[in-house]
PDB file of all heavy atoms in Angstrom:
ATOM      1  N   GLN A   1      11.320  19.188 -43.945  1.00  0.00           N
ATOM      2  CA  GLN A   1       9.916  19.413 -44.299  1.00  0.00           C
ATOM      3  C   GLN A   1       9.775  20.603 -45.237  1.00  0.00           C
ATOM      4  O   GLN A   1       8.982  20.575 -46.174  1.00  0.00           O
ATOM      5  CB  GLN A   1       9.061  19.621 -43.041  1.00  0.00           C
ATOM      6  CG  GLN A   1       7.575  19.750 -43.354  1.00  0.00           C
ATOM      7  CD  GLN A   1       7.010  18.508 -44.031  1.00  0.00           C
ATOM      8  OE1 GLN A   1       7.173  17.404 -43.526  1.00  0.00           O
ATOM      9  NE2 GLN A   1       6.345  18.678 -45.170  1.00  0.00           N
ATOM     10  N   ASP A   2      10.544  21.667 -45.001  1.00  0.00           N
ATOM     11  CA  ASP A   2      10.506  22.820 -45.903  1.00  0.00           C
ATOM     12  C   ASP A   2      10.960  22.423 -47.306  1.00  0.00           C
ATOM     13  O   ASP A   2      10.397  22.877 -48.300  1.00  0.00           O
ATOM     14  CB  ASP A   2      11.385  23.951 -45.375  1.00  0.00           C
ATOM     15  CG  ASP A   2      10.825  24.587 -44.122  1.00  0.00           C
ATOM     16  OD1 ASP A   2       9.604  24.482 -43.878  1.00  0.00           O
ATOM     17  OD2 ASP A   2      11.623  25.205 -43.380  1.00  0.00           O
ATOM     18  N   ALA A   3      11.981  21.580 -47.398  1.00  0.00           N
ATOM     19  CA  ALA A   3      12.465  21.116 -48.704  1.00  0.00           C
ATOM     20  C   ALA A   3      11.368  20.340 -49.427  1.00  0.00           C
ATOM     21  O   ALA A   3      11.137  20.537 -50.625  1.00  0.00           O
ATOM     22  CB  ALA A   3      13.717  20.263 -48.535  1.00  0.00           C
ATOM     23  N   HIS A   4      10.673  19.469 -48.707  1.00  0.00           N
ATOM     24  CA  HIS A   4       9.593  18.690 -49.324  1.00  0.00           C
ATOM     25  C   HIS A   4       8.426  19.588 -49.736  1.00  0.00           C
ATOM     26  O   HIS A   4       7.826  19.381 -50.800  1.00  0.00           O
ATOM     27  CB  HIS A   4       9.129  17.566 -48.395  1.00  0.00           C
ATOM     28  CG  HIS A   4      10.077  16.420 -48.359  1.00  0.00           C
ATOM     29  ND1 HIS A   4      10.228  15.533 -49.404  1.00  0.00           N
ATOM     30  CD2 HIS A   4      10.949  16.022 -47.403  1.00  0.00           C
ATOM     31  CE1 HIS A   4      11.135  14.632 -49.086  1.00  0.00           C
ATOM     32  NE2 HIS A   4      11.599  14.911 -47.879  1.00  0.00           N
ATOM     33  N   ASP A   5       8.104  20.573 -48.916  1.00  0.00           N
ATOM     34  CA  ASP A   5       7.033  21.504 -49.263  1.00  0.00           C
ATOM     35  C   ASP A   5       7.389  22.287 -50.525  1.00  0.00           C
ATOM     36  O   ASP A   5       6.555  22.479 -51.412  1.00  0.00           O
ATOM     37  CB  ASP A   5       6.752  22.474 -48.109  1.00  0.00           C
ATOM     38  CG  ASP A   5       6.119  21.791 -46.907  1.00  0.00           C
ATOM     39  OD1 ASP A   5       5.660  20.622 -47.026  1.00  0.00           O
ATOM     40  OD2 ASP A   5       6.102  22.425 -45.836  1.00  0.00           O
ATOM     41  N   PHE A   6       8.630  22.743 -50.614  1.00  0.00           N
ATOM     42  CA  PHE A   6       9.095  23.460 -51.805  1.00  0.00           C
ATOM     43  C   PHE A   6       9.040  22.542 -53.026  1.00  0.00           C
ATOM     44  O   PHE A   6       8.581  22.944 -54.100  1.00  0.00           O
ATOM     45  CB  PHE A   6      10.523  23.967 -51.567  1.00  0.00           C
ATOM     46  CG  PHE A   6      11.056  24.796 -52.699  1.00  0.00           C
ATOM     47  CD1 PHE A   6      10.850  26.164 -52.730  1.00  0.00           C
ATOM     48  CD2 PHE A   6      11.765  24.206 -53.723  1.00  0.00           C
ATOM     49  CE1 PHE A   6      11.343  26.930 -53.777  1.00  0.00           C
ATOM     50  CE2 PHE A   6      12.261  24.962 -54.773  1.00  0.00           C
ATOM     51  CZ  PHE A   6      12.053  26.331 -54.801  1.00  0.00           C
ATOM     52  N   GLN A   7       9.494  21.324 -52.864  1.00  0.00           N
ATOM     53  CA  GLN A   7       9.467  20.347 -53.949  1.00  0.00           C
ATOM     54  C   GLN A   7       8.041  20.135 -54.452  1.00  0.00           C
ATOM     55  O   GLN A   7       7.809  20.024 -55.660  1.00  0.00           O
ATOM     56  CB  GLN A   7      10.061  19.017 -53.470  1.00  0.00           C
ATOM     57  CG  GLN A   7       9.980  17.905 -54.501  1.00  0.00           C
ATOM     58  CD  GLN A   7      10.192  16.548 -53.881  1.00  0.00           C
ATOM     59  OE1 GLN A   7       9.791  16.289 -52.749  1.00  0.00           O
ATOM     60  NE2 GLN A   7      10.847  15.665 -54.628  1.00  0.00           N
ATOM     61  N   HIS A   8       7.099  20.077 -53.537  1.00  0.00           N
ATOM     62  CA  HIS A   8       5.695  19.873 -53.915  1.00  0.00           C
ATOM     63  C   HIS A   8       5.211  20.980 -54.854  1.00  0.00           C
ATOM     64  O   HIS A   8       4.462  20.723 -55.797  1.00  0.00           O
ATOM     65  CB  HIS A   8       4.818  19.808 -52.661  1.00  0.00           C
ATOM     66  CG  HIS A   8       3.389  19.575 -52.952  1.00  0.00           C
ATOM     67  ND1 HIS A   8       2.898  18.350 -53.352  1.00  0.00           N
ATOM     68  CD2 HIS A   8       2.329  20.419 -52.924  1.00  0.00           C
ATOM     69  CE1 HIS A   8       1.595  18.453 -53.564  1.00  0.00           C
ATOM     70  NE2 HIS A   8       1.223  19.699 -53.304  1.00  0.00           N
ATOM     71  N   GLY A   9       5.659  22.192 -54.624  1.00  0.00           N
ATOM     72  CA  GLY A   9       5.229  23.317 -55.447  1.00  0.00           C
ATOM     73  C   GLY A   9       6.056  23.550 -56.694  1.00  0.00           C
ATOM     74  O   GLY A   9       5.538  24.016 -57.708  1.00  0.00           O
ATOM     75  N   PHE A  10       7.347  23.208 -56.643  1.00  0.00           N
ATOM     76  CA  PHE A  10       8.243  23.587 -57.733  1.00  0.00           C
ATOM     77  C   PHE A  10       9.020  22.428 -58.347  1.00  0.00           C
ATOM     78  O   PHE A  10       9.884  22.639 -59.191  1.00  0.00           O
ATOM     79  CB  PHE A  10       9.238  24.654 -57.249  1.00  0.00           C
ATOM     80  CG  PHE A  10       8.557  25.933 -56.867  1.00  0.00           C
ATOM     81  CD1 PHE A  10       8.295  26.223 -55.541  1.00  0.00           C
ATOM     82  CD2 PHE A  10       8.151  26.840 -57.833  1.00  0.00           C
ATOM     83  CE1 PHE A  10       7.657  27.401 -55.184  1.00  0.00           C
ATOM     84  CE2 PHE A  10       7.517  28.013 -57.487  1.00  0.00           C
ATOM     85  CZ  PHE A  10       7.264  28.289 -56.158  1.00  0.00           C
ATOM     86  N   GLY A  11       8.742  21.213 -57.916  1.00  0.00           N
ATOM     87  CA  GLY A  11       9.415  20.048 -58.482  1.00  0.00           C
ATOM     88  C   GLY A  11      10.828  19.898 -57.957  1.00  0.00           C
ATOM     89  O   GLY A  11      11.241  20.547 -57.002  1.00  0.00           O
ATOM     90  N   GLY A  12      11.569  19.021 -58.588  1.00  0.00           N
ATOM     91  CA  GLY A  12      12.932  18.749 -58.179  1.00  0.00           C
ATOM     92  C   GLY A  12      13.010  17.513 -57.304  1.00  0.00           C
ATOM     93  O   GLY A  12      12.022  16.802 -57.104  1.00  0.00           O
ATOM     94  N   GLU A  13      14.186  17.277 -56.783  1.00  0.00           N
ATOM     95  CA  GLU A  13      14.436  16.103 -55.947  1.00  0.00           C
ATOM     96  C   GLU A  13      15.071  16.545 -54.637  1.00  0.00           C
ATOM     97  O   GLU A  13      16.019  17.330 -54.643  1.00  0.00           O
ATOM     98  CB  GLU A  13      15.361  15.142 -56.689  1.00  0.00           C
ATOM     99  CG  GLU A  13      15.568  13.839 -55.987  1.00  0.00           C
ATOM    100  CD  GLU A  13      16.394  12.847 -56.806  1.00  0.00           C
ATOM    101  OE1 GLU A  13      16.638  13.100 -57.985  1.00  0.00           O
ATOM    102  OE2 GLU A  13      16.786  11.828 -56.225  1.00  0.00           O
ATOM    103  N   VAL A  14      14.560  16.052 -53.521  1.00  0.00           N
ATOM    104  CA  VAL A  14      15.104  16.376 -52.200  1.00  0.00           C
ATOM    105  C   VAL A  14      16.266  15.437 -51.912  1.00  0.00           C
ATOM    106  O   VAL A  14      16.155  14.221 -52.088  1.00  0.00           O
ATOM    107  CB  VAL A  14      14.025  16.249 -51.103  1.00  0.00           C
ATOM    108  CG1 VAL A  14      14.624  16.482 -49.721  1.00  0.00           C
ATOM    109  CG2 VAL A  14      12.885  17.222 -51.363  1.00  0.00           C
ATOM    110  N   MET A  15      17.390  16.020 -51.469  1.00  0.00           N
ATOM    111  CA  MET A  15      18.585  15.234 -51.166  1.00  0.00           C
ATOM    112  C   MET A  15      19.289  15.779 -49.934  1.00  0.00           C
ATOM    113  O   MET A  15      19.187  16.968 -49.640  1.00  0.00           O
ATOM    114  CB  MET A  15      19.595  15.316 -52.319  1.00  0.00           C
ATOM    115  CG  MET A  15      19.136  14.735 -53.593  1.00  0.00           C
ATOM    116  SD  MET A  15      20.467  14.830 -54.805  1.00  0.00           S
ATOM    117  CE  MET A  15      19.618  14.159 -56.203  1.00  0.00           C
ATOM    118  N   ASP A  16      20.049  14.901 -49.281  1.00  0.00           N
ATOM    119  CA  ASP A  16      20.953  15.351 -48.232  1.00  0.00           C
ATOM    120  C   ASP A  16      22.256  15.810 -48.892  1.00  0.00           C
ATOM    121  O   ASP A  16      22.421  15.733 -50.113  1.00  0.00           O
ATOM    122  CB  ASP A  16      21.198  14.256 -47.194  1.00  0.00           C
ATOM    123  CG  ASP A  16      21.882  13.019 -47.763  1.00  0.00           C
ATOM    124  OD1 ASP A  16      22.336  13.021 -48.929  1.00  0.00           O
ATOM    125  OD2 ASP A  16      21.960  12.023 -47.027  1.00  0.00           O
ATOM    126  N   PHE A  17      23.193  16.300 -48.080  1.00  0.00           N
ATOM    127  CA  PHE A  17      24.436  16.847 -48.619  1.00  0.00           C
ATOM    128  C   PHE A  17      25.218  15.823 -49.435  1.00  0.00           C
ATOM    129  O   PHE A  17      25.673  16.116 -50.540  1.00  0.00           O
ATOM    130  CB  PHE A  17      25.310  17.403 -47.486  1.00  0.00           C
ATOM    131  CG  PHE A  17      26.691  17.763 -47.945  1.00  0.00           C
ATOM    132  CD1 PHE A  17      26.893  18.865 -48.756  1.00  0.00           C
ATOM    133  CD2 PHE A  17      27.782  16.986 -47.586  1.00  0.00           C
ATOM    134  CE1 PHE A  17      28.167  19.194 -49.202  1.00  0.00           C
ATOM    135  CE2 PHE A  17      29.051  17.306 -48.025  1.00  0.00           C
ATOM    136  CZ  PHE A  17      29.242  18.416 -48.828  1.00  0.00           C
ATOM    137  N   GLU A  18      25.400  14.630 -48.902  1.00  0.00           N
ATOM    138  CA  GLU A  18      26.218  13.634 -49.599  1.00  0.00           C
ATOM    139  C   GLU A  18      25.646  13.277 -50.968  1.00  0.00           C
ATOM    140  O   GLU A  18      26.381  13.153 -51.948  1.00  0.00           O
ATOM    141  CB  GLU A  18      26.395  12.380 -48.742  1.00  0.00           C
ATOM    142  CG  GLU A  18      27.327  12.571 -47.572  1.00  0.00           C
ATOM    143  CD  GLU A  18      28.736  13.026 -47.974  1.00  0.00           C
ATOM    144  OE1 GLU A  18      29.250  12.569 -49.020  1.00  0.00           O
ATOM    145  OE2 GLU A  18      29.313  13.848 -47.248  1.00  0.00           O
ATOM    146  N   ASN A  19      24.331  13.115 -51.050  1.00  0.00           N
ATOM    147  CA  ASN A  19      23.720  12.791 -52.337  1.00  0.00           C
ATOM    148  C   ASN A  19      23.765  13.976 -53.300  1.00  0.00           C
ATOM    149  O   ASN A  19      23.980  13.793 -54.501  1.00  0.00           O
ATOM    150  CB  ASN A  19      22.288  12.289 -52.144  1.00  0.00           C
ATOM    151  CG  ASN A  19      22.271  10.899 -51.569  1.00  0.00           C
ATOM    152  OD1 ASN A  19      23.040  10.037 -51.973  1.00  0.00           O
ATOM    153  ND2 ASN A  19      21.402  10.670 -50.607  1.00  0.00           N
ATOM    154  N   ALA A  20      23.586  15.185 -52.790  1.00  0.00           N
ATOM    155  CA  ALA A  20      23.693  16.374 -53.641  1.00  0.00           C
ATOM    156  C   ALA A  20      25.119  16.520 -54.160  1.00  0.00           C
ATOM    157  O   ALA A  20      25.342  16.805 -55.341  1.00  0.00           O
ATOM    158  CB  ALA A  20      23.278  17.616 -52.855  1.00  0.00           C
ATOM    159  N   ARG A  21      26.093  16.303 -53.289  1.00  0.00           N
ATOM    160  CA  ARG A  21      27.508  16.383 -53.692  1.00  0.00           C
ATOM    161  C   ARG A  21      27.804  15.357 -54.777  1.00  0.00           C
ATOM    162  O   ARG A  21      28.431  15.671 -55.794  1.00  0.00           O
ATOM    163  CB  ARG A  21      28.406  16.166 -52.480  1.00  0.00           C
ATOM    164  CG  ARG A  21      29.885  16.317 -52.770  1.00  0.00           C
ATOM    165  CD  ARG A  21      30.710  16.110 -51.511  1.00  0.00           C
ATOM    166  NE  ARG A  21      30.575  14.778 -50.970  1.00  0.00           N
ATOM    167  CZ  ARG A  21      31.254  13.718 -51.403  1.00  0.00           C
ATOM    168  NH1 ARG A  21      32.112  13.836 -52.388  1.00  0.00           N
ATOM    169  NH2 ARG A  21      31.070  12.545 -50.850  1.00  0.00           N
ATOM    170  N   ARG A  22      27.338  14.151 -54.586  1.00  0.00           N
ATOM    171  CA  ARG A  22      27.566  13.078 -55.560  1.00  0.00           C
ATOM    172  C   ARG A  22      26.923  13.411 -56.907  1.00  0.00           C
ATOM    173  O   ARG A  22      27.532  13.250 -57.953  1.00  0.00           O
ATOM    174  CB  ARG A  22      27.025  11.763 -55.006  1.00  0.00           C
ATOM    175  CG  ARG A  22      27.454  10.534 -55.755  1.00  0.00           C
ATOM    176  CD  ARG A  22      27.040   9.248 -55.039  1.00  0.00           C
ATOM    177  NE  ARG A  22      27.578   9.184 -53.677  1.00  0.00           N
ATOM    178  CZ  ARG A  22      26.840   9.178 -52.557  1.00  0.00           C
ATOM    179  NH1 ARG A  22      25.529   9.187 -52.618  1.00  0.00           N
ATOM    180  NH2 ARG A  22      27.404   9.119 -51.374  1.00  0.00           N
ATOM    181  N   LEU A  23      25.685  13.889 -56.871  1.00  0.00           N
ATOM    182  CA  LEU A  23      24.991  14.234 -58.111  1.00  0.00           C
ATOM    183  C   LEU A  23      25.728  15.337 -58.867  1.00  0.00           C
ATOM    184  O   LEU A  23      25.931  15.235 -60.084  1.00  0.00           O
ATOM    185  CB  LEU A  23      23.560  14.679 -57.820  1.00  0.00           C
ATOM    186  CG  LEU A  23      22.736  15.015 -59.053  1.00  0.00           C
ATOM    187  CD1 LEU A  23      21.328  14.465 -58.917  1.00  0.00           C
ATOM    188  CD2 LEU A  23      22.696  16.496 -59.321  1.00  0.00           C
ATOM    189  N   LEU A  24      26.147  16.391 -58.172  1.00  0.00           N
ATOM    190  CA  LEU A  24      26.860  17.479 -58.837  1.00  0.00           C
ATOM    191  C   LEU A  24      28.212  17.030 -59.360  1.00  0.00           C
ATOM    192  O   LEU A  24      28.607  17.390 -60.472  1.00  0.00           O
ATOM    193  CB  LEU A  24      27.023  18.668 -57.895  1.00  0.00           C
ATOM    194  CG  LEU A  24      25.740  19.410 -57.547  1.00  0.00           C
ATOM    195  CD1 LEU A  24      26.035  20.543 -56.579  1.00  0.00           C
ATOM    196  CD2 LEU A  24      25.052  19.931 -58.792  1.00  0.00           C
ATOM    197  N   ARG A  25      28.925  16.244 -58.568  1.00  0.00           N
ATOM    198  CA  ARG A  25      30.223  15.733 -59.030  1.00  0.00           C
ATOM    199  C   ARG A  25      30.053  14.926 -60.308  1.00  0.00           C
ATOM    200  O   ARG A  25      30.758  15.129 -61.285  1.00  0.00           O
ATOM    201  CB  ARG A  25      30.872  14.884 -57.940  1.00  0.00           C
ATOM    202  CG  ARG A  25      32.273  14.381 -58.311  1.00  0.00           C
ATOM    203  CD  ARG A  25      32.760  13.323 -57.362  1.00  0.00           C
ATOM    204  NE  ARG A  25      31.887  12.152 -57.504  1.00  0.00           N
ATOM    205  CZ  ARG A  25      31.470  11.397 -56.489  1.00  0.00           C
ATOM    206  NH1 ARG A  25      31.818  11.672 -55.256  1.00  0.00           N
ATOM    207  NH2 ARG A  25      30.702  10.351 -56.700  1.00  0.00           N
ATOM    208  N   ASP A  26      29.074  14.029 -60.314  1.00  0.00           N
ATOM    209  CA  ASP A  26      28.837  13.195 -61.493  1.00  0.00           C
ATOM    210  C   ASP A  26      28.364  14.027 -62.681  1.00  0.00           C
ATOM    211  O   ASP A  26      28.793  13.815 -63.807  1.00  0.00           O
ATOM    212  CB  ASP A  26      27.824  12.108 -61.178  1.00  0.00           C
ATOM    213  CG  ASP A  26      28.356  11.068 -60.186  1.00  0.00           C
ATOM    214  OD1 ASP A  26      29.572  11.063 -59.898  1.00  0.00           O
ATOM    215  OD2 ASP A  26      27.534  10.283 -59.673  1.00  0.00           O
ATOM    216  N   ALA A  27      27.477  14.986 -62.429  1.00  0.00           N
ATOM    217  CA  ALA A  27      26.957  15.829 -63.518  1.00  0.00           C
ATOM    218  C   ALA A  27      28.074  16.637 -64.164  1.00  0.00           C
ATOM    219  O   ALA A  27      28.129  16.757 -65.390  1.00  0.00           O
ATOM    220  CB  ALA A  27      25.871  16.763 -62.992  1.00  0.00           C
ATOM    221  N   HIS A  28      28.977  17.152 -63.353  1.00  0.00           N
ATOM    222  CA  HIS A  28      30.062  17.966 -63.913  1.00  0.00           C
ATOM    223  C   HIS A  28      31.163  17.117 -64.522  1.00  0.00           C
ATOM    224  O   HIS A  28      31.804  17.539 -65.471  1.00  0.00           O
ATOM    225  CB  HIS A  28      30.597  18.928 -62.856  1.00  0.00           C
ATOM    226  CG  HIS A  28      29.672  20.060 -62.606  1.00  0.00           C
ATOM    227  ND1 HIS A  28      29.531  21.111 -63.485  1.00  0.00           N
ATOM    228  CD2 HIS A  28      28.786  20.291 -61.607  1.00  0.00           C
ATOM    229  CE1 HIS A  28      28.626  21.945 -63.036  1.00  0.00           C
ATOM    230  NE2 HIS A  28      28.155  21.478 -61.895  1.00  0.00           N
ATOM    231  N   SER A  29      31.367  15.927 -64.019  1.00  0.00           N
ATOM    232  CA  SER A  29      32.393  15.066 -64.626  1.00  0.00           C
ATOM    233  C   SER A  29      31.922  14.585 -65.992  1.00  0.00           C
ATOM    234  O   SER A  29      32.705  14.449 -66.912  1.00  0.00           O
ATOM    235  CB  SER A  29      32.767  13.896 -63.715  1.00  0.00           C
ATOM    236  OG  SER A  29      31.699  12.991 -63.605  1.00  0.00           O
ATOM    237  N   HIS A  30      30.609  14.337 -66.147  1.00  0.00           N
ATOM    238  CA  HIS A  30      30.077  13.912 -67.448  1.00  0.00           C
ATOM    239  C   HIS A  30      30.049  15.061 -68.444  1.00  0.00           C
ATOM    240  O   HIS A  30      30.169  14.848 -69.633  1.00  0.00           O
ATOM    241  CB  HIS A  30      28.665  13.330 -67.297  1.00  0.00           C
ATOM    242  CG  HIS A  30      28.664  12.028 -66.560  1.00  0.00           C
ATOM    243  ND1 HIS A  30      29.368  10.931 -66.987  1.00  0.00           N
ATOM    244  CD2 HIS A  30      28.046  11.663 -65.413  1.00  0.00           C
ATOM    245  CE1 HIS A  30      29.176   9.932 -66.122  1.00  0.00           C
ATOM    246  NE2 HIS A  30      28.383  10.362 -65.154  1.00  0.00           N
ATOM    247  N   SER A  31      29.907  16.291 -67.958  1.00  0.00           N
ATOM    248  CA  SER A  31      29.860  17.431 -68.867  1.00  0.00           C
ATOM    249  C   SER A  31      31.228  17.727 -69.473  1.00  0.00           C
ATOM    250  O   SER A  31      31.329  18.385 -70.487  1.00  0.00           O
ATOM    251  CB  SER A  31      29.313  18.673 -68.164  1.00  0.00           C
ATOM    252  OG  SER A  31      30.225  19.141 -67.198  1.00  0.00           O
TER     253      SER A  31
END
């Protein structure tokens, strides 16, 4: 709930650990 509240004020995407790990892995592999 805190993550969603923060997102409401500052944008971004709420994720669990596995999805965050996947996103960062993919972002850095493409870079």
